[in-house]
All heavy atoms as atom14 arrays in JSON, in Angstrom:
{
  "sequence": "APVTCTTRVIQAEGAQITFQVEARDAYELIAR",
  "atom14_mask": [
    [1, 1, 1, 1, 1, 0, 0, 0, 0, 0, 0, 0, 0, 0],
    [1, 1, 1, 1, 1, 1, 1, 0, 0, 0, 0, 0, 0, 0],
    [1, 1, 1, 1, 1, 1, 1, 0, 0, 0, 0, 0, 0, 0],
    [1, 1, 1, 1, 1, 1, 1, 0, 0, 0, 0, 0, 0, 0],
    [1, 1, 1, 1, 1, 1, 0, 0, 0, 0, 0, 0, 0, 0],
    [1, 1, 1, 1, 1, 1, 1, 0, 0, 0, 0, 0, 0, 0],
    [1, 1, 1, 1, 1, 1, 1, 0, 0, 0, 0, 0, 0, 0],
    [1, 1, 1, 1, 1, 1, 1, 1, 1, 1, 1, 0, 0, 0],
    [1, 1, 1, 1, 1, 1, 1, 0, 0, 0, 0, 0, 0, 0],
    [1, 1, 1, 1, 1, 1, 1, 1, 0, 0, 0, 0, 0, 0],
    [1, 1, 1, 1, 1, 1, 1, 1, 1, 0, 0, 0, 0, 0],
    [1, 1, 1, 1, 1, 0, 0, 0, 0, 0, 0, 0, 0, 0],
    [1, 1, 1, 1, 1, 1, 1, 1, 1, 0, 0, 0, 0, 0],
    [1, 1, 1, 1, 0, 0, 0, 0, 0, 0, 0, 0, 0, 0],
    [1, 1, 1, 1, 1, 0, 0, 0, 0, 0, 0, 0, 0, 0],
    [1, 1, 1, 1, 1, 1, 1, 1, 1, 0, 0, 0, 0, 0],
    [1, 1, 1, 1, 1, 1, 1, 1, 0, 0, 0, 0, 0, 0],
    [1, 1, 1, 1, 1, 1, 1, 0, 0, 0, 0, 0, 0, 0],
    [1, 1, 1, 1, 1, 1, 1, 1, 1, 1, 1, 0, 0, 0],
    [1, 1, 1, 1, 1, 1, 1, 1, 1, 0, 0, 0, 0, 0],
    [1, 1, 1, 1, 1, 1, 1, 0, 0, 0, 0, 0, 0, 0],
    [1, 1, 1, 1, 1, 1, 1, 1, 1, 0, 0, 0, 0, 0],
    [1, 1, 1, 1, 1, 0, 0, 0, 0, 0, 0, 0, 0, 0],
    [1, 1, 1, 1, 1, 1, 1, 1, 1, 1, 1, 0, 0, 0],
    [1, 1, 1, 1, 1, 1, 1, 1, 0, 0, 0, 0, 0, 0],
    [1, 1, 1, 1, 1, 0, 0, 0, 0, 0, 0, 0, 0, 0],
    [1, 1, 1, 1, 1, 1, 1, 1, 1, 1, 1, 1, 0, 0],
    [1, 1, 1, 1, 1, 1, 1, 1, 1, 0, 0, 0, 0, 0],
    [1, 1, 1, 1, 1, 1, 1, 1, 0, 0, 0, 0, 0, 0],
    [1, 1, 1, 1, 1, 1, 1, 1, 0, 0, 0, 0, 0, 0],
    [1, 1, 1, 1, 1, 0, 0, 0, 0, 0, 0, 0, 0, 0],
    [1, 1, 1, 1, 1, 1, 1, 1, 1, 1, 1, 0, 0, 0]
  ],
  "atom14_positions": [
    [[100.81, 110.44, 82.94], [101.49, 110.42, 84.25], [102.39, 109.2, 84.4], [102.05, 108.11, 83.93], [100.45, 110.42, 85.37], [0.0, 0.0, 0.0], [0.0, 0.0, 0.0], [0.0, 0.0, 0.0], [0.0, 0.0, 0.0], [0.0, 0.0, 0.0], [0.0, 0.0, 0.0], [0.0, 0.0, 0.0], [0.0, 0.0, 0.0], [0.0, 0.0, 0.0]],
    [[103.55, 109.36, 85.05], [104.41, 108.21, 85.31], [103.89, 107.39, 86.49], [103.34, 107.94, 87.45], [105.76, 108.84, 85.65], [105.41, 110.19, 86.19], [104.15, 110.62, 85.49], [0.0, 0.0, 0.0], [0.0, 0.0, 0.0], [0.0, 0.0, 0.0], [0.0, 0.0, 0.0], [0.0, 0.0, 0.0], [0.0, 0.0, 0.0], [0.0, 0.0, 0.0]],
    [[104.08, 106.07, 86.4], [103.65, 105.15, 87.46], [104.79, 104.17, 87.72], [105.46, 103.72, 86.79], [102.38, 104.38, 87.04], [102.0, 103.33, 88.09], [101.22, 105.32, 86.79], [0.0, 0.0, 0.0], [0.0, 0.0, 0.0], [0.0, 0.0, 0.0], [0.0, 0.0, 0.0], [0.0, 0.0, 0.0], [0.0, 0.0, 0.0], [0.0, 0.0, 0.0]],
    [[104.99, 103.85, 88.99], [105.94, 102.82, 89.39], [105.18, 101.72, 90.12], [104.44, 101.99, 91.06], [107.02, 103.39, 90.33], [107.72, 104.41, 89.63], [108.0, 102.31, 90.77], [0.0, 0.0, 0.0], [0.0, 0.0, 0.0], [0.0, 0.0, 0.0], [0.0, 0.0, 0.0], [0.0, 0.0, 0.0], [0.0, 0.0, 0.0], [0.0, 0.0, 0.0]],
    [[105.36, 100.49, 89.65], [104.74, 99.32, 90.3], [105.86, 98.51, 90.95], [106.86, 98.2, 90.3], [104.03, 98.44, 89.29], [102.69, 99.28, 88.41], [0.0, 0.0, 0.0], [0.0, 0.0, 0.0], [0.0, 0.0, 0.0], [0.0, 0.0, 0.0], [0.0, 0.0, 0.0], [0.0, 0.0, 0.0], [0.0, 0.0, 0.0], [0.0, 0.0, 0.0]],
    [[105.69, 98.19, 92.22], [106.67, 97.37, 92.93], [105.99, 96.1, 93.42], [104.82, 96.1, 93.78], [107.31, 98.11, 94.11], [106.29, 98.56, 94.99], [108.12, 99.3, 93.63], [0.0, 0.0, 0.0], [0.0, 0.0, 0.0], [0.0, 0.0, 0.0], [0.0, 0.0, 0.0], [0.0, 0.0, 0.0], [0.0, 0.0, 0.0], [0.0, 0.0, 0.0]],
    [[106.76, 95.02, 93.42], [106.25, 93.72, 93.85], [107.26, 93.11, 94.82], [108.45, 93.34, 94.7], [106.03, 92.78, 92.65], [107.29, 92.5, 92.03], [105.09, 93.4, 91.63], [0.0, 0.0, 0.0], [0.0, 0.0, 0.0], [0.0, 0.0, 0.0], [0.0, 0.0, 0.0], [0.0, 0.0, 0.0], [0.0, 0.0, 0.0], [0.0, 0.0, 0.0]],
    [[106.74, 92.35, 95.79], [107.62, 91.71, 96.78], [107.06, 90.36, 97.14], [105.88, 90.23, 97.49], [107.72, 92.6, 98.02], [108.65, 92.07, 99.09], [108.84, 93.07, 100.22], [107.6, 93.43, 100.89], [107.06, 92.77, 101.9], [107.64, 91.68, 102.37], [105.95, 93.19, 102.46], [0.0, 0.0, 0.0], [0.0, 0.0, 0.0], [0.0, 0.0, 0.0]],
    [[107.9, 89.33, 97.06], [107.49, 87.99, 97.47], [107.23, 88.0, 98.97], [108.07, 88.43, 99.76], [108.58, 86.93, 97.14], [108.21, 85.57, 97.73], [108.8, 86.83, 95.64], [0.0, 0.0, 0.0], [0.0, 0.0, 0.0], [0.0, 0.0, 0.0], [0.0, 0.0, 0.0], [0.0, 0.0, 0.0], [0.0, 0.0, 0.0], [0.0, 0.0, 0.0]],
    [[106.03, 87.54, 99.36], [105.73, 87.44, 100.79], [105.53, 85.99, 101.24], [105.57, 85.72, 102.43], [104.52, 88.31, 101.2], [103.25, 87.89, 100.47], [104.84, 89.78, 101.02], [101.99, 88.53, 101.0], [0.0, 0.0, 0.0], [0.0, 0.0, 0.0], [0.0, 0.0, 0.0], [0.0, 0.0, 0.0], [0.0, 0.0, 0.0], [0.0, 0.0, 0.0]],
    [[105.35, 85.07, 100.26], [105.21, 83.66, 100.63], [105.48, 82.8, 99.41], [105.06, 83.13, 98.3], [103.8, 83.4, 101.15], [103.6, 82.0, 101.67], [102.2, 81.84, 102.26], [101.26, 82.47, 101.83], [102.1, 81.0, 103.27], [0.0, 0.0, 0.0], [0.0, 0.0, 0.0], [0.0, 0.0, 0.0], [0.0, 0.0, 0.0], [0.0, 0.0, 0.0]],
    [[106.18, 81.7, 99.61], [106.41, 80.72, 98.55], [106.22, 79.34, 99.17], [107.02, 78.9, 99.99], [107.81, 80.86, 97.97], [0.0, 0.0, 0.0], [0.0, 0.0, 0.0], [0.0, 0.0, 0.0], [0.0, 0.0, 0.0], [0.0, 0.0, 0.0], [0.0, 0.0, 0.0], [0.0, 0.0, 0.0], [0.0, 0.0, 0.0], [0.0, 0.0, 0.0]],
    [[105.11, 78.69, 98.78], [104.79, 77.35, 99.28], [104.51, 76.43, 98.1], [103.59, 76.7, 97.33], [103.55, 77.39, 100.18], [103.81, 77.88, 101.57], [102.58, 77.72, 102.45], [101.71, 76.88, 102.16], [102.51, 78.45, 103.44], [0.0, 0.0, 0.0], [0.0, 0.0, 0.0], [0.0, 0.0, 0.0], [0.0, 0.0, 0.0], [0.0, 0.0, 0.0]],
    [[105.29, 75.4, 97.98], [105.09, 74.48, 96.86], [105.22, 75.22, 95.55], [106.17, 75.95, 95.32], [0.0, 0.0, 0.0], [0.0, 0.0, 0.0], [0.0, 0.0, 0.0], [0.0, 0.0, 0.0], [0.0, 0.0, 0.0], [0.0, 0.0, 0.0], [0.0, 0.0, 0.0], [0.0, 0.0, 0.0], [0.0, 0.0, 0.0], [0.0, 0.0, 0.0]],
    [[104.21, 75.06, 94.71], [104.22, 75.7, 93.39], [103.54, 77.06, 93.39], [103.38, 77.67, 92.35], [103.54, 74.79, 92.38], [0.0, 0.0, 0.0], [0.0, 0.0, 0.0], [0.0, 0.0, 0.0], [0.0, 0.0, 0.0], [0.0, 0.0, 0.0], [0.0, 0.0, 0.0], [0.0, 0.0, 0.0], [0.0, 0.0, 0.0], [0.0, 0.0, 0.0]],
    [[103.14, 77.56, 94.56], [102.44, 78.84, 94.62], [103.3, 79.91, 95.28], [103.9, 79.67, 96.33], [101.12, 78.69, 95.38], [100.16, 77.79, 94.65], [98.81, 77.7, 95.34], [98.53, 78.4, 96.31], [97.96, 76.83, 94.84], [0.0, 0.0, 0.0], [0.0, 0.0, 0.0], [0.0, 0.0, 0.0], [0.0, 0.0, 0.0], [0.0, 0.0, 0.0]],
    [[103.32, 81.1, 94.65], [104.09, 82.22, 95.17], [103.15, 83.4, 95.31], [102.39, 83.73, 94.38], [105.27, 82.58, 94.25], [106.25, 81.41, 94.14], [106.02, 83.79, 94.78], [106.08, 80.6, 92.93], [0.0, 0.0, 0.0], [0.0, 0.0, 0.0], [0.0, 0.0, 0.0], [0.0, 0.0, 0.0], [0.0, 0.0, 0.0], [0.0, 0.0, 0.0]],
    [[103.18, 84.05, 96.47], [102.32, 85.2, 96.73], [103.17, 86.46, 96.84], [104.2, 86.47, 97.51], [101.52, 85.01, 98.03], [100.79, 83.78, 97.94], [100.55, 86.15, 98.27], [0.0, 0.0, 0.0], [0.0, 0.0, 0.0], [0.0, 0.0, 0.0], [0.0, 0.0, 0.0], [0.0, 0.0, 0.0], [0.0, 0.0, 0.0], [0.0, 0.0, 0.0]],
    [[102.7, 87.51, 96.17], [103.37, 88.8, 96.14], [102.49, 89.89, 96.76], [101.28, 89.89, 96.54], [103.63, 89.24, 94.7], [104.7, 88.48, 93.99], [104.44, 87.23, 93.45], [105.97, 89.02, 93.84], [105.42, 86.53, 92.77], [106.96, 88.33, 93.17], [106.69, 87.08, 92.64], [0.0, 0.0, 0.0], [0.0, 0.0, 0.0], [0.0, 0.0, 0.0]],
    [[103.12, 90.8, 97.47], [102.47, 92.06, 97.8], [102.8, 92.98, 96.63], [103.94, 93.02, 96.16], [103.0, 92.66, 99.09], [102.35, 93.98, 99.42], [102.91, 94.59, 100.69], [103.93, 94.17, 101.22], [102.25, 95.61, 101.17], [0.0, 0.0, 0.0], [0.0, 0.0, 0.0], [0.0, 0.0, 0.0], [0.0, 0.0, 0.0], [0.0, 0.0, 0.0]],
    [[101.8, 93.69, 96.12], [102.0, 94.57, 94.98], [101.48, 95.96, 95.33], [100.53, 96.11, 96.11], [101.28, 94.04, 93.71], [101.85, 92.68, 93.31], [99.78, 93.93, 93.9], [0.0, 0.0, 0.0], [0.0, 0.0, 0.0], [0.0, 0.0, 0.0], [0.0, 0.0, 0.0], [0.0, 0.0, 0.0], [0.0, 0.0, 0.0], [0.0, 0.0, 0.0]],
    [[102.15, 96.97, 94.76], [101.62, 98.32, 94.91], [102.05, 99.18, 93.73], [103.02, 98.87, 93.04], [101.97, 98.96, 96.24], [103.38, 99.19, 96.57], [103.55, 99.87, 97.94], [102.92, 99.45, 98.92], [104.34, 100.81, 98.0], [0.0, 0.0, 0.0], [0.0, 0.0, 0.0], [0.0, 0.0, 0.0], [0.0, 0.0, 0.0], [0.0, 0.0, 0.0]],
    [[101.27, 100.22, 93.5], [101.54, 101.15, 92.41], [101.44, 102.57, 92.95], [100.57, 102.87, 93.76], [100.55, 100.94, 91.27], [0.0, 0.0, 0.0], [0.0, 0.0, 0.0], [0.0, 0.0, 0.0], [0.0, 0.0, 0.0], [0.0, 0.0, 0.0], [0.0, 0.0, 0.0], [0.0, 0.0, 0.0], [0.0, 0.0, 0.0], [0.0, 0.0, 0.0]],
    [[102.36, 103.42, 92.48], [102.39, 104.82, 92.87], [102.54, 105.69, 91.64], [103.26, 105.34, 90.73], [103.59, 105.12, 93.78], [103.54, 104.42, 95.11], [104.77, 104.77, 95.97], [104.63, 104.2, 97.29], [103.95, 104.76, 98.29], [103.41, 105.94, 98.12], [103.83, 104.17, 99.45], [0.0, 0.0, 0.0], [0.0, 0.0, 0.0], [0.0, 0.0, 0.0]],
    [[101.84, 106.82, 91.64], [102.11, 107.82, 90.64], [103.0, 108.88, 91.3], [103.5, 108.66, 92.4], [100.82, 108.39, 90.01], [99.9, 109.12, 90.97], [100.35, 109.55, 92.06], [98.72, 109.29, 90.62], [0.0, 0.0, 0.0], [0.0, 0.0, 0.0], [0.0, 0.0, 0.0], [0.0, 0.0, 0.0], [0.0, 0.0, 0.0], [0.0, 0.0, 0.0]],
    [[103.2, 110.01, 90.66], [104.1, 111.02, 91.2], [103.56, 111.67, 92.48], [104.32, 112.31, 93.21], [104.37, 112.1, 90.15], [0.0, 0.0, 0.0], [0.0, 0.0, 0.0], [0.0, 0.0, 0.0], [0.0, 0.0, 0.0], [0.0, 0.0, 0.0], [0.0, 0.0, 0.0], [0.0, 0.0, 0.0], [0.0, 0.0, 0.0], [0.0, 0.0, 0.0]],
    [[102.28, 111.47, 92.77], [101.65, 112.14, 93.9], [101.34, 111.24, 95.08], [101.37, 111.68, 96.22], [100.35, 112.82, 93.44], [100.6, 113.86, 92.39], [100.45, 113.55, 91.05], [101.02, 115.13, 92.74], [100.7, 114.49, 90.07], [101.28, 116.09, 91.77], [101.12, 115.76, 90.44], [101.37, 116.7, 89.47], [0.0, 0.0, 0.0], [0.0, 0.0, 0.0]],
    [[101.01, 109.97, 94.8], [100.49, 109.15, 95.9], [100.48, 107.67, 95.54], [100.67, 107.28, 94.39], [99.07, 109.59, 96.26], [98.08, 109.39, 95.11], [96.73, 110.05, 95.34], [96.29, 110.14, 96.51], [96.12, 110.48, 94.36], [0.0, 0.0, 0.0], [0.0, 0.0, 0.0], [0.0, 0.0, 0.0], [0.0, 0.0, 0.0], [0.0, 0.0, 0.0]],
    [[100.22, 106.86, 96.56], [99.96, 105.44, 96.38], [98.61, 105.32, 95.69], [97.63, 105.9, 96.15], [99.93, 104.74, 97.75], [99.63, 103.26, 97.76], [100.8, 102.48, 97.15], [99.37, 102.79, 99.19], [0.0, 0.0, 0.0], [0.0, 0.0, 0.0], [0.0, 0.0, 0.0], [0.0, 0.0, 0.0], [0.0, 0.0, 0.0], [0.0, 0.0, 0.0]],
    [[98.57, 104.61, 94.57], [97.3, 104.51, 93.83], [96.65, 103.14, 93.92], [95.45, 103.0, 93.69], [97.47, 104.91, 92.35], [98.45, 103.99, 91.63], [97.88, 106.37, 92.24], [98.45, 104.14, 90.11], [0.0, 0.0, 0.0], [0.0, 0.0, 0.0], [0.0, 0.0, 0.0], [0.0, 0.0, 0.0], [0.0, 0.0, 0.0], [0.0, 0.0, 0.0]],
    [[97.45, 102.11, 94.27], [96.88, 100.76, 94.37], [97.78, 99.9, 95.25], [99.0, 100.08, 95.3], [96.74, 100.13, 93.0], [0.0, 0.0, 0.0], [0.0, 0.0, 0.0], [0.0, 0.0, 0.0], [0.0, 0.0, 0.0], [0.0, 0.0, 0.0], [0.0, 0.0, 0.0], [0.0, 0.0, 0.0], [0.0, 0.0, 0.0], [0.0, 0.0, 0.0]],
    [[97.14, 98.94, 95.91], [97.89, 97.98, 96.74], [97.08, 96.7, 96.82], [95.86, 96.71, 96.82], [98.09, 98.54, 98.15], [98.8, 97.54, 99.07], [99.01, 98.07, 100.46], [100.09, 99.05, 100.42], [100.19, 100.1, 101.23], [99.25, 100.34, 102.11], [101.21, 100.91, 101.15], [0.0, 0.0, 0.0], [0.0, 0.0, 0.0], [0.0, 0.0, 0.0]]
  ]
}
């Protein structure tokens, strides 16, 4: 099955960067 993972920066403080991440297959959101 194909999967698409997307990431988005939600915070950058000092040397630390936080991302929201999610993965979808052809049918649904599979992880967040």
